[in-house]
Amino acid sequence: MLDFIRIHPADNVAVALRPAPAGTAFAGVTAAEDIPQGHKMALAPIAAGGAVVKYGVPIGRAAGDIPAGAWVHVHNVKTALDEAA
């Protein structure tokens, strides 16, 4: 059974389908920390100010550098949902 899902091929994050402990691998990336169910893991490094892409669209901007395998959530992302309108 899958631990993560990449919703769109352009996404640079994957969503945890269940709690994923540090060390869980998906798409060649290993979780650097525990990722709660329903939360995102970076599939590639995202530079500060770079787009966090989910559903094939930017949903936020990295508040700082986010390494591959990091938990991606409100602590390191500023929303960009208003930019899609």
PDB file of N, CA and C in Angstrom:
ATOM      1  N   MET A   1       0.845  -1.186   0.000  1.00  0.00           N
ATOM      2  CA  MET A   1       0.000   0.000   0.000  1.00  0.00           C
ATOM      3  C   MET A   1       0.891   1.251   0.000  1.00  0.00           C
ATOM      4  N   LEU A   2       0.491   2.248  -0.746  1.00  0.00           N
ATOM      5  CA  LEU A   2       1.272   3.487  -0.859  1.00  0.00           C
ATOM      6  C   LEU A   2       1.254   4.303   0.428  1.00  0.00           C
ATOM      7  N   ASP A   3       2.389   4.925   0.723  1.00  0.00           N
ATOM      8  CA  ASP A   3       2.488   5.836   1.867  1.00  0.00           C
ATOM      9  C   ASP A   3       2.236   7.280   1.448  1.00  0.00           C
ATOM     10  N   PHE A   4       2.538   7.597   0.159  1.00  0.00           N
ATOM     11  CA  PHE A   4       2.384   8.950  -0.373  1.00  0.00           C
ATOM     12  C   PHE A   4       1.722   8.882  -1.742  1.00  0.00           C
ATOM     13  N   ILE A   5       1.191  10.013  -2.170  1.00  0.00           N
ATOM     14  CA  ILE A   5       0.669  10.140  -3.527  1.00  0.00           C
ATOM     15  C   ILE A   5       1.108  11.485  -4.096  1.00  0.00           C
ATOM     16  N   ARG A   6       1.528  11.448  -5.342  1.00  0.00           N
ATOM     17  CA  ARG A   6       1.818  12.680  -6.094  1.00  0.00           C
ATOM     18  C   ARG A   6       0.576  12.900  -6.950  1.00  0.00           C
ATOM     19  N   ILE A   7      -0.168  13.963  -6.678  1.00  0.00           N
ATOM     20  CA  ILE A   7      -1.472  14.171  -7.309  1.00  0.00           C
ATOM     21  C   ILE A   7      -1.351  14.530  -8.784  1.00  0.00           C
ATOM     22  N   HIS A   8      -0.380  15.349  -9.138  1.00  0.00           N
ATOM     23  CA  HIS A   8      -0.198  15.818 -10.522  1.00  0.00           C
ATOM     24  C   HIS A   8       1.279  15.675 -10.878  1.00  0.00           C
ATOM     25  N   PRO A   9       1.593  15.320 -12.121  1.00  0.00           N
ATOM     26  CA  PRO A   9       3.006  15.148 -12.490  1.00  0.00           C
ATOM     27  C   PRO A   9       3.877  16.387 -12.264  1.00  0.00           C
ATOM     28  N   ALA A  10       3.289  17.576 -12.268  1.00  0.00           N
ATOM     29  CA  ALA A  10       4.058  18.811 -12.062  1.00  0.00           C
ATOM     30  C   ALA A  10       4.290  19.128 -10.587  1.00  0.00           C
ATOM     31  N   ASP A  11       3.676  18.374  -9.685  1.00  0.00           N
ATOM     32  CA  ASP A  11       3.796  18.659  -8.249  1.00  0.00           C
ATOM     33  C   ASP A  11       5.230  18.448  -7.763  1.00  0.00           C
ATOM     34  N   ASN A  12       5.672  19.331  -6.860  1.00  0.00           N
ATOM     35  CA  ASN A  12       6.974  19.136  -6.221  1.00  0.00           C
ATOM     36  C   ASN A  12       6.809  18.696  -4.766  1.00  0.00           C
ATOM     37  N   VAL A  13       5.592  18.283  -4.422  1.00  0.00           N
ATOM     38  CA  VAL A  13       5.287  17.709  -3.114  1.00  0.00           C
ATOM     39  C   VAL A  13       4.436  16.457  -3.318  1.00  0.00           C
ATOM     40  N   ALA A  14       4.487  15.584  -2.326  1.00  0.00           N
ATOM     41  CA  ALA A  14       3.618  14.412  -2.287  1.00  0.00           C
ATOM     42  C   ALA A  14       2.836  14.480  -0.983  1.00  0.00           C
ATOM     43  N   VAL A  15       1.659  13.892  -0.962  1.00  0.00           N
ATOM     44  CA  VAL A  15       0.788  13.918   0.213  1.00  0.00           C
ATOM     45  C   VAL A  15       0.847  12.562   0.911  1.00  0.00           C
ATOM     46  N   ALA A  16       1.035  12.585   2.225  1.00  0.00           N
ATOM     47  CA  ALA A  16       1.076  11.355   3.019  1.00  0.00           C
ATOM     48  C   ALA A  16      -0.327  10.782   3.149  1.00  0.00           C
ATOM     49  N   LEU A  17      -0.489   9.532   2.759  1.00  0.00           N
ATOM     50  CA  LEU A  17      -1.781   8.862   2.854  1.00  0.00           C
ATOM     51  C   LEU A  17      -2.022   8.277   4.232  1.00  0.00           C
ATOM     52  N   ARG A  18      -0.972   8.196   5.016  1.00  0.00           N
ATOM     53  CA  ARG A  18      -1.029   7.730   6.407  1.00  0.00           C
ATOM     54  C   ARG A  18       0.158   8.382   7.105  1.00  0.00           C
ATOM     55  N   PRO A  19       0.221   8.366   8.427  1.00  0.00           N
ATOM     56  CA  PRO A  19       1.404   8.935   9.073  1.00  0.00           C
ATOM     57  C   PRO A  19       2.655   8.234   8.539  1.00  0.00           C
ATOM     58  N   ALA A  20       3.619   9.022   8.085  1.00  0.00           N
ATOM     59  CA  ALA A  20       4.847   8.476   7.498  1.00  0.00           C
ATOM     60  C   ALA A  20       6.024   8.856   8.388  1.00  0.00           C
ATOM     61  N   PRO A  21       6.622   7.881   9.050  1.00  0.00           N
ATOM     62  CA  PRO A  21       7.774   8.205   9.903  1.00  0.00           C
ATOM     63  C   PRO A  21       8.996   8.593   9.080  1.00  0.00           C
ATOM     64  N   ALA A  22       9.885   9.329   9.685  1.00  0.00           N
ATOM     65  CA  ALA A  22      11.164   9.657   9.046  1.00  0.00           C
ATOM     66  C   ALA A  22      11.776   8.368   8.521  1.00  0.00           C
ATOM     67  N   GLY A  23      12.334   8.437   7.320  1.00  0.00           N
ATOM     68  CA  GLY A  23      12.935   7.259   6.715  1.00  0.00           C
ATOM     69  C   GLY A  23      12.043   6.597   5.679  1.00  0.00           C
ATOM     70  N   THR A  24      10.762   6.985   5.630  1.00  0.00           N
ATOM     71  CA  THR A  24       9.857   6.439   4.621  1.00  0.00           C
ATOM     72  C   THR A  24      10.244   6.995   3.258  1.00  0.00           C
ATOM     73  N   ALA A  25      10.364   6.123   2.264  1.00  0.00           N
ATOM     74  CA  ALA A  25      10.791   6.547   0.928  1.00  0.00           C
ATOM     75  C   ALA A  25       9.619   6.564  -0.042  1.00  0.00           C
ATOM     76  N   PHE A  26       9.672   7.519  -0.980  1.00  0.00           N
ATOM     77  CA  PHE A  26       8.688   7.621  -2.055  1.00  0.00           C
ATOM     78  C   PHE A  26       9.342   8.357  -3.217  1.00  0.00           C
ATOM     79  N   ALA A  27       9.202   7.824  -4.407  1.00  0.00           N
ATOM     80  CA  ALA A  27       9.701   8.474  -5.634  1.00  0.00           C
ATOM     81  C   ALA A  27      11.175   8.871  -5.520  1.00  0.00           C
ATOM     82  N   GLY A  28      11.963   8.035  -4.868  1.00  0.00           N
ATOM     83  CA  GLY A  28      13.388   8.311  -4.738  1.00  0.00           C
ATOM     84  C   GLY A  28      13.755   9.327  -3.676  1.00  0.00           C
ATOM     85  N   VAL A  29      12.779   9.746  -2.863  1.00  0.00           N
ATOM     86  CA  VAL A  29      13.010  10.735  -1.797  1.00  0.00           C
ATOM     87  C   VAL A  29      12.681  10.076  -0.462  1.00  0.00           C
ATOM     88  N   THR A  30      13.498  10.334   0.535  1.00  0.00           N
ATOM     89  CA  THR A  30      13.285   9.775   1.867  1.00  0.00           C
ATOM     90  C   THR A  30      12.844  10.880   2.815  1.00  0.00           C
ATOM     91  N   ALA A  31      11.778  10.614   3.561  1.00  0.00           N
ATOM     92  CA  ALA A  31      11.283  11.586   4.540  1.00  0.00           C
ATOM     93  C   ALA A  31      12.356  11.859   5.579  1.00  0.00           C
ATOM     94  N   ALA A  32      12.706  13.122   5.737  1.00  0.00           N
ATOM     95  CA  ALA A  32      13.735  13.534   6.690  1.00  0.00           C
ATOM     96  C   ALA A  32      13.185  13.677   8.102  1.00  0.00           C
ATOM     97  N   GLU A  33      11.869  13.696   8.207  1.00  0.00           N
ATOM     98  CA  GLU A  33      11.193  13.843   9.498  1.00  0.00           C
ATOM     99  C   GLU A  33       9.844  13.165   9.388  1.00  0.00           C
ATOM    100  N   ASP A  34       9.150  13.010  10.507  1.00  0.00           N
ATOM    101  CA  ASP A  34       7.819  12.423  10.473  1.00  0.00           C
ATOM    102  C   ASP A  34       6.883  13.348   9.689  1.00  0.00           C
ATOM    103  N   ILE A  35       6.088  12.759   8.802  1.00  0.00           N
ATOM    104  CA  ILE A  35       5.122  13.521   8.006  1.00  0.00           C
ATOM    105  C   ILE A  35       3.731  13.051   8.426  1.00  0.00           C
ATOM    106  N   PRO A  36       2.909  13.937   9.012  1.00  0.00           N
ATOM    107  CA  PRO A  36       1.566  13.526   9.416  1.00  0.00           C
ATOM    108  C   PRO A  36       0.679  13.178   8.217  1.00  0.00           C
ATOM    109  N   GLN A  37      -0.289  12.324   8.446  1.00  0.00           N
ATOM    110  CA  GLN A  37      -1.251  11.956   7.404  1.00  0.00           C
ATOM    111  C   GLN A  37      -1.921  13.212   6.844  1.00  0.00           C
ATOM    112  N   GLY A  38      -2.007  13.284   5.514  1.00  0.00           N
ATOM    113  CA  GLY A  38      -2.645  14.415   4.861  1.00  0.00           C
ATOM    114  C   GLY A  38      -1.719  15.608   4.644  1.00  0.00           C
ATOM    115  N   HIS A  39      -0.506  15.523   5.157  1.00  0.00           N
ATOM    116  CA  HIS A  39       0.452  16.611   5.005  1.00  0.00           C
ATOM    117  C   HIS A  39       1.408  16.307   3.852  1.00  0.00           C
ATOM    118  N   LYS A  40       2.221  17.282   3.490  1.00  0.00           N
ATOM    119  CA  LYS A  40       3.067  17.195   2.306  1.00  0.00           C
ATOM    120  C   LYS A  40       4.537  16.969   2.652  1.00  0.00           C
ATOM    121  N   MET A  41       5.225  16.273   1.705  1.00  0.00           N
ATOM    122  CA  MET A  41       6.666  16.096   1.762  1.00  0.00           C
ATOM    123  C   MET A  41       7.244  16.664   0.474  1.00  0.00           C
ATOM    124  N   ALA A  42       8.335  17.416   0.594  1.00  0.00           N
ATOM    125  CA  ALA A  42       9.002  17.963  -0.595  1.00  0.00           C
ATOM    126  C   ALA A  42       9.655  16.836  -1.377  1.00  0.00           C
ATOM    127  N   LEU A  43       9.394  16.793  -2.683  1.00  0.00           N
ATOM    128  CA  LEU A  43       9.985  15.777  -3.556  1.00  0.00           C
ATOM    129  C   LEU A  43      11.302  16.239  -4.166  1.00  0.00           C
ATOM    130  N   ALA A  44      11.590  17.508  -4.040  1.00  0.00           N
ATOM    131  CA  ALA A  44      12.825  18.115  -4.534  1.00  0.00           C
ATOM    132  C   ALA A  44      13.083  19.342  -3.670  1.00  0.00           C
ATOM    133  N   PRO A  45      14.310  19.833  -3.634  1.00  0.00           N
ATOM    134  CA  PRO A  45      14.558  21.072  -2.885  1.00  0.00           C
ATOM    135  C   PRO A  45      13.707  22.214  -3.455  1.00  0.00           C
ATOM    136  N   ILE A  46      13.171  23.031  -2.556  1.00  0.00           N
ATOM    137  CA  ILE A  46      12.397  24.209  -2.955  1.00  0.00           C
ATOM    138  C   ILE A  46      13.103  25.414  -2.325  1.00  0.00           C
ATOM    139  N   ALA A  47      13.617  26.292  -3.162  1.00  0.00           N
ATOM    140  CA  ALA A  47      14.352  27.462  -2.666  1.00  0.00           C
ATOM    141  C   ALA A  47      13.394  28.456  -2.009  1.00  0.00           C
ATOM    142  N   ALA A  48      13.925  29.241  -1.081  1.00  0.00           N
ATOM    143  CA  ALA A  48      13.138  30.291  -0.437  1.00  0.00           C
ATOM    144  C   ALA A  48      12.461  31.141  -1.501  1.00  0.00           C
ATOM    145  N   GLY A  49      11.167  31.346  -1.366  1.00  0.00           N
ATOM    146  CA  GLY A  49      10.394  32.118  -2.333  1.00  0.00           C
ATOM    147  C   GLY A  49       9.902  31.298  -3.504  1.00  0.00           C
ATOM    148  N   GLY A  50      10.382  30.059  -3.626  1.00  0.00           N
ATOM    149  CA  GLY A  50       9.971  29.191  -4.724  1.00  0.00           C
ATOM    150  C   GLY A  50       8.559  28.666  -4.533  1.00  0.00           C
ATOM    151  N   ALA A  51       7.960  28.272  -5.629  1.00  0.00           N
ATOM    152  CA  ALA A  51       6.581  27.779  -5.603  1.00  0.00           C
ATOM    153  C   ALA A  51       6.506  26.374  -5.026  1.00  0.00           C
ATOM    154  N   VAL A  52       5.513  26.168  -4.158  1.00  0.00           N
ATOM    155  CA  VAL A  52       5.123  24.844  -3.702  1.00  0.00           C
ATOM    156  C   VAL A  52       3.951  24.458  -4.606  1.00  0.00           C
ATOM    157  N   VAL A  53       4.136  23.382  -5.383  1.00  0.00           N
ATOM    158  CA  VAL A  53       3.153  23.023  -6.403  1.00  0.00           C
ATOM    159  C   VAL A  53       2.418  21.750  -6.001  1.00  0.00           C
ATOM    160  N   LYS A  54       1.088  21.857  -5.921  1.00  0.00           N
ATOM    161  CA  LYS A  54       0.197  20.735  -5.624  1.00  0.00           C
ATOM    162  C   LYS A  54      -0.995  20.886  -6.561  1.00  0.00           C
ATOM    163  N   TYR A  55      -1.545  19.787  -7.042  1.00  0.00           N
ATOM    164  CA  TYR A  55      -2.629  19.814  -8.037  1.00  0.00           C
ATOM    165  C   TYR A  55      -2.160  20.447  -9.349  1.00  0.00           C
ATOM    166  N   GLY A  56      -0.845  20.546  -9.552  1.00  0.00           N
ATOM    167  CA  GLY A  56      -0.302  21.146 -10.755  1.00  0.00           C
ATOM    168  C   GLY A  56      -0.291  22.657 -10.748  1.00  0.00           C
ATOM    169  N   VAL A  57      -0.636  23.279  -9.615  1.00  0.00           N
ATOM    170  CA  VAL A  57      -0.650  24.745  -9.503  1.00  0.00           C
ATOM    171  C   VAL A  57       0.081  25.174  -8.226  1.00  0.00           C
ATOM    172  N   PRO A  58       0.648  26.382  -8.227  1.00  0.00           N
ATOM    173  CA  PRO A  58       1.306  26.857  -7.006  1.00  0.00           C
ATOM    174  C   PRO A  58       0.274  27.107  -5.908  1.00  0.00           C
ATOM    175  N   ILE A  59       0.489  26.484  -4.758  1.00  0.00           N
ATOM    176  CA  ILE A  59      -0.414  26.694  -3.621  1.00  0.00           C
ATOM    177  C   ILE A  59       0.248  27.529  -2.545  1.00  0.00           C
ATOM    178  N   GLY A  60       1.552  27.767  -2.691  1.00  0.00           N
ATOM    179  CA  GLY A  60       2.271  28.537  -1.689  1.00  0.00           C
ATOM    180  C   GLY A  60       3.669  28.845  -2.148  1.00  0.00           C
ATOM    181  N   ARG A  61       4.355  29.627  -1.338  1.00  0.00           N
ATOM    182  CA  ARG A  61       5.752  29.995  -1.568  1.00  0.00           C
ATOM    183  C   ARG A  61       6.552  29.565  -0.344  1.00  0.00           C
ATOM    184  N   ALA A  62       7.707  29.012  -0.569  1.00  0.00           N
ATOM    185  CA  ALA A  62       8.566  28.574   0.527  1.00  0.00           C
ATOM    186  C   ALA A  62       9.020  29.783   1.341  1.00  0.00           C
ATOM    187  N   ALA A  63       8.818  29.724   2.655  1.00  0.00           N
ATOM    188  CA  ALA A  63       9.236  30.809   3.541  1.00  0.00           C
ATOM    189  C   ALA A  63      10.752  30.801   3.744  1.00  0.00           C
ATOM    190  N   GLY A  64      11.372  29.697   3.471  1.00  0.00           N
ATOM    191  CA  GLY A  64      12.831  29.521   3.549  1.00  0.00           C
ATOM    192  C   GLY A  64      13.168  28.330   2.674  1.00  0.00           C
ATOM    193  N   ASP A  65      14.431  27.998   2.581  1.00  0.00           N
ATOM    194  CA  ASP A  65      14.810  26.829   1.795  1.00  0.00           C
ATOM    195  C   ASP A  65      14.182  25.571   2.402  1.00  0.00           C
ATOM    196  N   ILE A  66      13.582  24.740   1.569  1.00  0.00           N
ATOM    197  CA  ILE A  66      12.973  23.481   2.001  1.00  0.00           C
ATOM    198  C   ILE A  66      13.719  22.348   1.298  1.00  0.00           C
ATOM    199  N   PRO A  67      14.419  21.513   2.044  1.00  0.00           N
ATOM    200  CA  PRO A  67      15.141  20.414   1.401  1.00  0.00           C
ATOM    201  C   PRO A  67      14.199  19.279   0.990  1.00  0.00           C
ATOM    202  N   ALA A  68      14.622  18.492   0.014  1.00  0.00           N
ATOM    203  CA  ALA A  68      13.860  17.303  -0.368  1.00  0.00           C
ATOM    204  C   ALA A  68      13.697  16.412   0.858  1.00  0.00           C
ATOM    205  N   GLY A  69      12.505  15.863   1.027  1.00  0.00           N
ATOM    206  CA  GLY A  69      12.211  14.994   2.163  1.00  0.00           C
ATOM    207  C   GLY A  69      11.654  15.713   3.373  1.00  0.00           C
ATOM    208  N   ALA A  70      11.625  17.042   3.337  1.00  0.00           N
ATOM    209  CA  ALA A  70      11.125  17.817   4.480  1.00  0.00           C
ATOM    210  C   ALA A  70       9.597  17.850   4.508  1.00  0.00           C
ATOM    211  N   TRP A  71       9.062  17.993   5.704  1.00  0.00           N
ATOM    212  CA  TRP A  71       7.634  18.195   5.909  1.00  0.00           C
ATOM    213  C   TRP A  71       7.317  19.602   5.414  1.00  0.00           C
ATOM    214  N   VAL A  72       6.326  19.730   4.563  1.00  0.00           N
ATOM    215  CA  VAL A  72       5.931  21.014   3.986  1.00  0.00           C
ATOM    216  C   VAL A  72       4.561  21.365   4.558  1.00  0.00           C
ATOM    217  N   HIS A  73       4.502  22.462   5.324  1.00  0.00           N
ATOM    218  CA  HIS A  73       3.249  22.859   5.990  1.00  0.00           C
ATOM    219  C   HIS A  73       3.339  24.342   6.337  1.00  0.00           C
ATOM    220  N   VAL A  74       2.432  24.809   7.162  1.00  0.00           N
ATOM    221  CA  VAL A  74       2.332  26.236   7.466  1.00  0.00           C
ATOM    222  C   VAL A  74       3.588  26.821   8.119  1.00  0.00           C
ATOM    223  N   HIS A  75       4.427  25.993   8.713  1.00  0.00           N
ATOM    224  CA  HIS A  75       5.640  26.481   9.372  1.00  0.00           C
ATOM    225  C   HIS A  75       6.715  26.897   8.360  1.00  0.00           C
ATOM    226  N   ASN A  76       6.598  26.447   7.105  1.00  0.00           N
ATOM    227  CA  ASN A  76       7.619  26.800   6.119  1.00  0.00           C
ATOM    228  C   ASN A  76       7.051  27.206   4.757  1.00  0.00           C
ATOM    229  N   VAL A  77       5.747  27.468   4.705  1.00  0.00           N
ATOM    230  CA  VAL A  77       5.084  27.878   3.458  1.00  0.00           C
ATOM    231  C   VAL A  77       4.143  29.042   3.726  1.00  0.00           C
ATOM    232  N   LYS A  78       4.177  30.019   2.833  1.00  0.00           N
ATOM    233  CA  LYS A  78       3.219  31.126   2.833  1.00  0.00           C
ATOM    234  C   LYS A  78       2.235  30.841   1.703  1.00  0.00           C
ATOM    235  N   THR A  79       0.947  30.940   1.948  1.00  0.00           N
ATOM    236  CA  THR A  79      -0.051  30.605   0.931  1.00  0.00           C
ATOM    237  C   THR A  79       0.082  31.465  -0.317  1.00  0.00           C
ATOM    238  N   ALA A  80      -0.263  30.857  -1.439  1.00  0.00           N
ATOM    239  CA  ALA A  80      -0.292  31.568  -2.712  1.00  0.00           C
ATOM    240  C   ALA A  80      -1.627  31.297  -3.415  1.00  0.00           C
ATOM    241  N   LEU A  81      -2.587  30.785  -2.671  1.00  0.00           N
ATOM    242  CA  LEU A  81      -3.862  30.428  -3.287  1.00  0.00           C
ATOM    243  C   LEU A  81      -4.566  31.628  -3.895  1.00  0.00           C
ATOM    244  N   ASP A  82      -4.346  32.816  -3.333  1.00  0.00           N
ATOM    245  CA  ASP A  82      -4.978  34.008  -3.904  1.00  0.00           C
ATOM    246  C   ASP A  82      -4.356  34.376  -5.258  1.00  0.00           C
ATOM    247  N   GLU A  83      -3.143  33.869  -5.557  1.00  0.00           N
ATOM    248  CA  GLU A  83      -2.498  34.146  -6.842  1.00  0.00           C
ATOM    249  C   GLU A  83      -3.155  33.393  -7.993  1.00  0.00           C
ATOM    250  N   ALA A  84      -3.858  32.286  -7.682  1.00  0.00           N
ATOM    251  CA  ALA A  84      -4.474  31.456  -8.721  1.00  0.00           C
ATOM    252  C   ALA A  84      -5.778  32.066  -9.227  1.00  0.00           C
ATOM    253  N   ALA A  85      -6.318  33.017  -8.512  1.00  0.00           N
ATOM    254  CA  ALA A  85      -7.615  33.594  -8.884  1.00  0.00           C
ATOM    255  C   ALA A  85      -7.510  34.493 -10.099  1.00  0.00           C
TER     256      ALA A  85
END
